[in-house]
Amino acid sequence: MTDEKAELASIAASLRAHLELSFDAGTTGIPRGKRGAPKQEKPPAPVEAPPPVSVAPDTVAIPVSESAVATVRSLPMLEEQVKGCTRCELSKTRTNTVFSRGNPKAQLCFVGEAPGADEDAQGLPFVGKAGQLLDKMIAAMGLDAAKDVYVCNIIKCRPPGNRRPTPEETSTCIPYLHDQLANVAPKVIVAMGNTSAQALLDTKLGITRLRGQWKLYRGKTLLMPTYHPSYLLRESPIQKLAKQEAWEDLQKVMKELGLPLPAKGTHPPGYRPPPSEQQPTPSVAFPPSTKKE
């Protein structure tokens, strides 16, 4: 009997020690359920399909992935929005907004910088001296400016004094241009001048480093940077070379579009023959300078 009492006392002491240890460790209590049984998780709630996207009549649906749809404002809608735009300070000094001219179904699109005084007065891009020169350049390519190309600018309102647009004005206005180009979907874009090339390519490189090299607009549309017509109208020692380079750029565009190239040895547009030549080759795209030498 003495041995049994001693054994019971030992068991009681061990049990007390175990309970005290459990209490100190915070593990008191009796677990429910079978030991080691996996916890049952609730089945995931069914995922509801997103509601169908309703595309307004004045928008164009363009697939951007298998699971998303981007809507692009149509050209008539864009033009109306541009006319009423007051997003930047240029809206306070403009006479007219300047949207585009030419054929919105053309394969070739020319993009300039911003309207000048003549464009602001008429509400059309490239109608001044630079525009007249652009039309002659287009004609030299064998194209009709009204039927075969689409012409627009980065900025839709004239900056005062024909100054260069600010980065803020460019970033505010360029969404209109992105939607324009999405609607037109040209095969080739010609970006004329620093502002146009830098904005469309999102780069800080100047036109002298970019021109003549094929680039991609938004990763898919061929883009050729070249000089702005207004730059080619300026009198400078390097003007003759600039005209030659611009014509070479346009010939690359012609080749891409499958247009016939000029015969070898043909003088570039803007060529000014020396007085000794009896039958000089007429200038096709670039008129000779009227400045007295």
Protein backbone atom coordinates (compact mmCIF):
# COMPACT_ATOMS: atom_id res chain seq x y z
CA MET A 1 0.00 0.00 0.00
CA THR A 2 2.86 2.29 0.82
CA ASP A 3 4.35 1.74 -2.66
CA GLU A 4 1.02 2.52 -4.34
CA LYS A 5 0.68 5.79 -2.40
CA ALA A 6 4.19 6.75 -3.33
CA GLU A 7 3.50 5.98 -7.02
CA LEU A 8 0.27 8.01 -6.95
CA ALA A 9 2.09 10.92 -5.32
CA SER A 10 4.74 10.77 -8.04
CA ILE A 11 2.10 10.79 -10.79
CA ALA A 12 0.27 13.69 -9.13
CA ALA A 13 3.53 15.64 -8.89
CA SER A 14 4.33 15.00 -12.54
CA LEU A 15 0.82 16.04 -13.58
CA ARG A 16 1.04 19.22 -11.51
CA ALA A 17 4.42 20.05 -13.06
CA HIS A 18 3.02 19.46 -16.55
CA LEU A 19 -0.01 21.67 -15.90
CA GLU A 20 2.14 24.45 -14.48
CA LEU A 21 4.45 24.27 -17.50
CA SER A 22 1.45 24.37 -19.85
CA PHE A 23 0.00 27.32 -17.98
CA ASP A 24 3.26 29.23 -18.20
CA ALA A 25 3.49 28.51 -21.93
CA GLY A 26 -0.11 29.54 -22.55
CA THR A 27 -1.08 26.16 -23.94
CA THR A 28 -3.83 25.27 -21.51
CA GLY A 29 -7.08 23.84 -22.76
CA ILE A 30 -8.19 20.69 -24.55
CA PRO A 31 -8.14 20.73 -28.39
CA ARG A 32 -11.33 19.72 -30.19
CA GLY A 33 -11.58 17.36 -33.14
CA LYS A 34 -9.23 14.66 -34.17
CA ARG A 35 -5.58 15.32 -33.61
CA GLY A 36 -3.79 16.21 -36.88
CA ALA A 37 -7.01 16.53 -38.89
CA PRO A 38 -6.60 19.12 -41.69
CA LYS A 39 -8.60 22.30 -41.35
CA GLN A 40 -11.48 22.47 -43.76
CA GLU A 41 -11.40 25.64 -45.92
CA LYS A 42 -14.47 27.24 -47.39
CA PRO A 43 -14.70 26.88 -51.16
CA PRO A 44 -13.84 30.11 -53.00
CA ALA A 45 -16.76 32.28 -53.98
CA PRO A 46 -17.57 32.12 -57.69
CA VAL A 47 -16.07 35.00 -59.71
CA GLU A 48 -18.69 36.96 -61.54
CA ALA A 49 -17.95 37.84 -65.15
CA PRO A 50 -17.42 41.58 -65.73
CA PRO A 51 -20.33 43.40 -67.33
CA PRO A 52 -20.06 43.88 -71.09
CA VAL A 53 -18.29 47.07 -72.18
CA SER A 54 -20.67 49.51 -73.81
CA VAL A 55 -18.94 51.45 -76.57
CA ALA A 56 -20.55 54.78 -77.45
CA PRO A 57 -21.43 55.42 -81.10
CA ASP A 58 -18.77 58.14 -81.35
CA THR A 59 -15.91 55.92 -80.22
CA VAL A 60 -13.79 53.33 -81.97
CA ALA A 61 -13.05 50.05 -80.16
CA ILE A 62 -9.45 48.92 -80.51
CA PRO A 63 -8.36 45.61 -78.92
CA VAL A 64 -5.31 46.01 -76.70
CA SER A 65 -5.25 42.53 -75.17
CA GLU A 66 -7.38 39.44 -74.78
CA SER A 67 -8.98 40.74 -71.62
CA ALA A 68 -9.26 44.47 -72.17
CA VAL A 69 -10.71 46.92 -74.66
CA ALA A 70 -9.51 50.50 -75.17
CA THR A 71 -11.84 53.13 -76.57
CA VAL A 72 -10.52 55.86 -78.81
CA ARG A 73 -12.51 59.02 -79.52
CA SER A 74 -13.62 59.32 -83.12
CA LEU A 75 -12.31 62.14 -85.32
CA PRO A 76 -15.58 64.16 -85.27
CA MET A 77 -15.74 63.84 -81.49
CA LEU A 78 -12.08 64.84 -81.15
CA GLU A 79 -12.50 67.89 -83.35
CA GLU A 80 -15.46 69.10 -81.31
CA GLN A 81 -13.57 68.57 -78.06
CA VAL A 82 -10.56 70.44 -79.43
CA LYS A 83 -12.77 73.40 -80.42
CA GLY A 84 -14.02 73.71 -76.84
CA CYS A 85 -10.76 72.85 -75.09
CA THR A 86 -9.61 75.15 -72.29
CA ARG A 87 -7.05 72.86 -70.66
CA CYS A 88 -4.12 75.26 -71.03
CA GLU A 89 -3.46 78.99 -71.34
CA LEU A 90 -3.23 78.84 -75.14
CA SER A 91 -7.03 78.72 -75.27
CA LYS A 92 -7.10 82.34 -74.06
CA THR A 93 -5.04 83.73 -76.94
CA ARG A 94 -6.13 81.62 -79.93
CA THR A 95 -8.39 82.77 -82.74
CA ASN A 96 -9.21 79.26 -83.95
CA THR A 97 -8.23 75.76 -82.97
CA VAL A 98 -6.33 73.87 -85.67
CA PHE A 99 -7.21 70.20 -86.05
CA SER A 100 -6.15 68.71 -89.40
CA ARG A 101 -6.41 68.70 -93.18
CA GLY A 102 -6.13 66.03 -95.84
CA ASN A 103 -7.43 62.48 -96.05
CA PRO A 104 -8.06 60.66 -92.73
CA LYS A 105 -7.74 57.34 -94.59
CA ALA A 106 -4.29 58.13 -96.00
CA GLN A 107 -1.31 55.83 -95.53
CA LEU A 108 1.00 58.79 -94.87
CA CYS A 109 0.67 61.32 -92.06
CA PHE A 110 2.75 64.48 -91.58
CA VAL A 111 2.93 65.79 -88.00
CA GLY A 112 4.28 69.25 -87.28
CA GLU A 113 4.77 71.34 -84.15
CA ALA A 114 2.07 73.99 -83.67
CA PRO A 115 -0.07 76.44 -85.68
CA GLY A 116 1.34 79.78 -86.79
CA ALA A 117 -0.46 83.05 -87.49
CA ASP A 118 -1.93 81.94 -90.83
CA GLU A 119 -3.09 78.62 -89.36
CA ASP A 120 -4.64 80.37 -86.35
CA ALA A 121 -6.55 82.69 -88.68
CA GLN A 122 -7.84 79.95 -90.99
CA GLY A 123 -8.20 77.04 -88.56
CA LEU A 124 -6.16 74.71 -90.80
CA PRO A 125 -2.61 73.36 -90.37
CA PHE A 126 0.24 74.28 -92.71
CA VAL A 127 -1.39 76.98 -94.84
CA GLY A 128 1.32 79.64 -94.51
CA LYS A 129 4.74 79.70 -96.17
CA ALA A 130 5.83 76.50 -94.43
CA GLY A 131 2.60 74.86 -95.55
CA GLN A 132 3.11 75.91 -99.14
CA LEU A 133 6.56 74.39 -99.00
CA LEU A 134 5.16 71.19 -97.46
CA ASP A 135 2.66 70.87 -100.30
CA LYS A 136 5.49 71.16 -102.82
CA MET A 137 7.44 68.51 -100.95
CA ILE A 138 4.40 66.23 -101.06
CA ALA A 139 3.98 66.90 -104.78
CA ALA A 140 7.65 66.03 -105.34
CA MET A 141 6.86 62.63 -103.85
CA GLY A 142 4.18 62.14 -106.49
CA LEU A 143 1.32 62.61 -104.02
CA ASP A 144 -1.70 64.89 -103.75
CA ALA A 145 -1.76 66.93 -100.54
CA ALA A 146 -5.57 66.82 -100.39
CA LYS A 147 -6.09 63.13 -101.21
CA ASP A 148 -2.97 61.16 -100.31
CA VAL A 149 -1.80 62.50 -96.93
CA TYR A 150 -3.13 63.55 -93.52
CA VAL A 151 -1.60 66.66 -91.91
CA CYS A 152 -1.81 67.73 -88.26
CA ASN A 153 0.22 69.16 -85.36
CA ILE A 154 1.23 68.22 -81.85
CA ILE A 155 -0.38 71.41 -80.49
CA LYS A 156 -3.87 72.50 -81.59
CA CYS A 157 -3.64 76.20 -80.61
CA ARG A 158 -1.09 78.81 -81.64
CA PRO A 159 1.54 79.68 -79.02
CA PRO A 160 1.84 83.50 -78.78
CA GLY A 161 4.56 84.89 -81.03
CA ASN A 162 4.98 81.47 -82.64
CA ARG A 163 7.17 80.43 -79.73
CA ARG A 164 7.97 76.78 -79.10
CA PRO A 165 5.32 74.95 -77.02
CA THR A 166 6.20 74.32 -73.40
CA PRO A 167 6.48 70.73 -72.08
CA GLU A 168 3.29 71.30 -70.09
CA GLU A 169 1.38 72.45 -73.18
CA THR A 170 2.67 69.46 -75.13
CA SER A 171 1.71 66.91 -72.48
CA THR A 172 -1.75 68.50 -72.13
CA CYS A 173 -2.51 68.53 -75.85
CA ILE A 174 -0.87 65.36 -77.18
CA PRO A 175 -3.68 62.97 -76.09
CA TYR A 176 -5.76 64.49 -78.88
CA LEU A 177 -3.02 63.59 -81.37
CA HIS A 178 -2.69 60.03 -80.06
CA ASP A 179 -6.41 59.48 -80.69
CA GLN A 180 -6.14 61.14 -84.11
CA LEU A 181 -3.38 58.76 -85.17
CA ALA A 182 -5.26 55.77 -83.74
CA ASN A 183 -8.21 56.65 -86.00
CA VAL A 184 -6.16 57.36 -89.11
CA ALA A 185 -3.83 54.37 -88.56
CA PRO A 186 -1.27 55.50 -91.17
CA LYS A 187 1.39 53.15 -92.47
CA VAL A 188 4.07 55.85 -92.09
CA ILE A 189 4.33 59.01 -89.99
CA VAL A 190 6.70 61.84 -90.90
CA ALA A 191 7.58 63.82 -87.77
CA MET A 192 8.74 67.30 -88.77
CA GLY A 193 11.03 69.16 -86.40
CA ASN A 194 12.25 68.79 -82.83
CA THR A 195 8.94 69.17 -81.00
CA SER A 196 7.11 66.64 -83.15
CA ALA A 197 9.85 63.99 -83.14
CA GLN A 198 10.58 64.32 -79.42
CA ALA A 199 6.91 64.20 -78.41
CA LEU A 200 6.00 61.22 -80.60
CA LEU A 201 9.11 59.23 -79.67
CA ASP A 202 9.30 60.36 -76.02
CA THR A 203 12.94 61.33 -76.36
CA LYS A 204 15.16 64.35 -75.70
CA LEU A 205 17.37 63.76 -78.73
CA GLY A 206 17.42 66.57 -81.28
CA ILE A 207 16.24 66.32 -84.86
CA THR A 208 19.78 66.39 -86.26
CA ARG A 209 20.50 63.13 -84.44
CA LEU A 210 17.12 61.54 -85.17
CA ARG A 211 16.46 62.46 -88.80
CA GLY A 212 16.83 59.90 -91.54
CA GLN A 213 16.49 56.91 -89.18
CA TRP A 214 13.39 54.75 -89.07
CA LYS A 215 11.76 54.77 -85.64
CA LEU A 216 8.59 53.24 -84.24
CA TYR A 217 5.68 55.25 -82.87
CA ARG A 218 4.17 53.37 -79.92
CA GLY A 219 6.10 50.27 -80.93
CA LYS A 220 4.21 49.59 -84.17
CA THR A 221 3.96 52.48 -86.67
CA LEU A 222 6.97 53.43 -88.81
CA LEU A 223 8.08 57.00 -88.16
CA MET A 224 10.59 59.07 -90.11
CA PRO A 225 11.94 62.18 -88.33
CA THR A 226 13.00 65.02 -90.62
CA TYR A 227 13.42 68.78 -90.65
CA HIS A 228 10.45 71.13 -90.32
CA PRO A 229 9.63 73.05 -93.53
CA SER A 230 10.04 76.36 -91.70
CA TYR A 231 13.64 75.41 -90.92
CA LEU A 232 14.29 74.71 -94.60
CA LEU A 233 13.02 78.19 -95.47
CA ARG A 234 15.66 79.89 -93.34
CA GLU A 235 18.77 81.36 -94.88
CA SER A 236 21.86 79.72 -93.47
CA PRO A 237 25.17 78.28 -94.70
CA ILE A 238 23.89 74.74 -94.09
CA GLN A 239 20.48 75.22 -95.68
CA LYS A 240 21.50 73.53 -98.94
CA LEU A 241 22.69 70.46 -97.05
CA ALA A 242 19.51 70.40 -94.93
CA LYS A 243 17.37 70.38 -98.08
CA GLN A 244 19.40 67.50 -99.49
CA GLU A 245 19.00 65.52 -96.25
CA ALA A 246 15.26 66.23 -96.06
CA TRP A 247 14.81 64.98 -99.61
CA GLU A 248 16.75 61.81 -98.77
CA ASP A 249 14.43 61.28 -95.78
CA LEU A 250 11.35 61.62 -97.98
CA GLN A 251 12.77 59.21 -100.54
CA LYS A 252 13.05 56.59 -97.79
CA VAL A 253 9.37 57.16 -97.09
CA MET A 254 8.58 56.84 -100.80
CA LYS A 255 10.44 53.54 -100.96
CA GLU A 256 8.54 52.20 -97.95
CA LEU A 257 5.22 53.18 -99.53
CA GLY A 258 6.18 51.65 -102.88
CA LEU A 259 6.27 54.98 -104.71
CA PRO A 260 8.57 55.41 -107.74
CA LEU A 261 11.87 57.04 -106.84
CA PRO A 262 13.46 59.85 -108.87
CA ALA A 263 16.04 58.92 -111.48
CA LYS A 264 19.66 58.74 -110.43
CA GLY A 265 21.46 62.02 -110.77
CA THR A 266 18.28 64.06 -110.38
CA HIS A 267 18.93 67.26 -108.48
CA PRO A 268 17.37 67.31 -105.01
CA PRO A 269 14.43 69.66 -104.35
CA GLY A 270 15.68 73.16 -103.72
CA TYR A 271 18.69 72.82 -105.97
CA ARG A 272 19.91 76.20 -107.18
CA PRO A 273 21.79 75.82 -110.46
CA PRO A 274 24.78 78.03 -111.22
CA PRO A 275 24.19 80.82 -113.75
CA SER A 276 26.34 78.98 -116.32
CA GLU A 277 23.69 76.27 -116.78
CA GLN A 278 21.44 77.14 -119.73
CA GLN A 279 18.59 74.79 -118.81
CA PRO A 280 18.64 74.38 -115.06
CA THR A 281 16.60 71.62 -113.46
CA PRO A 282 13.49 73.31 -112.01
CA SER A 283 13.04 73.19 -108.28
CA VAL A 284 10.18 70.83 -107.47
CA ALA A 285 9.68 70.96 -103.75
CA PHE A 286 11.78 73.78 -102.36
CA PRO A 287 11.57 77.21 -104.02
CA PRO A 288 14.83 79.12 -104.51
CA SER A 289 15.61 81.80 -101.98
CA THR A 290 14.64 85.36 -102.85
CA LYS A 291 17.32 86.84 -100.65
CA LYS A 292 19.78 89.05 -102.56
CA GLU A 293 23.36 87.90 -102.39
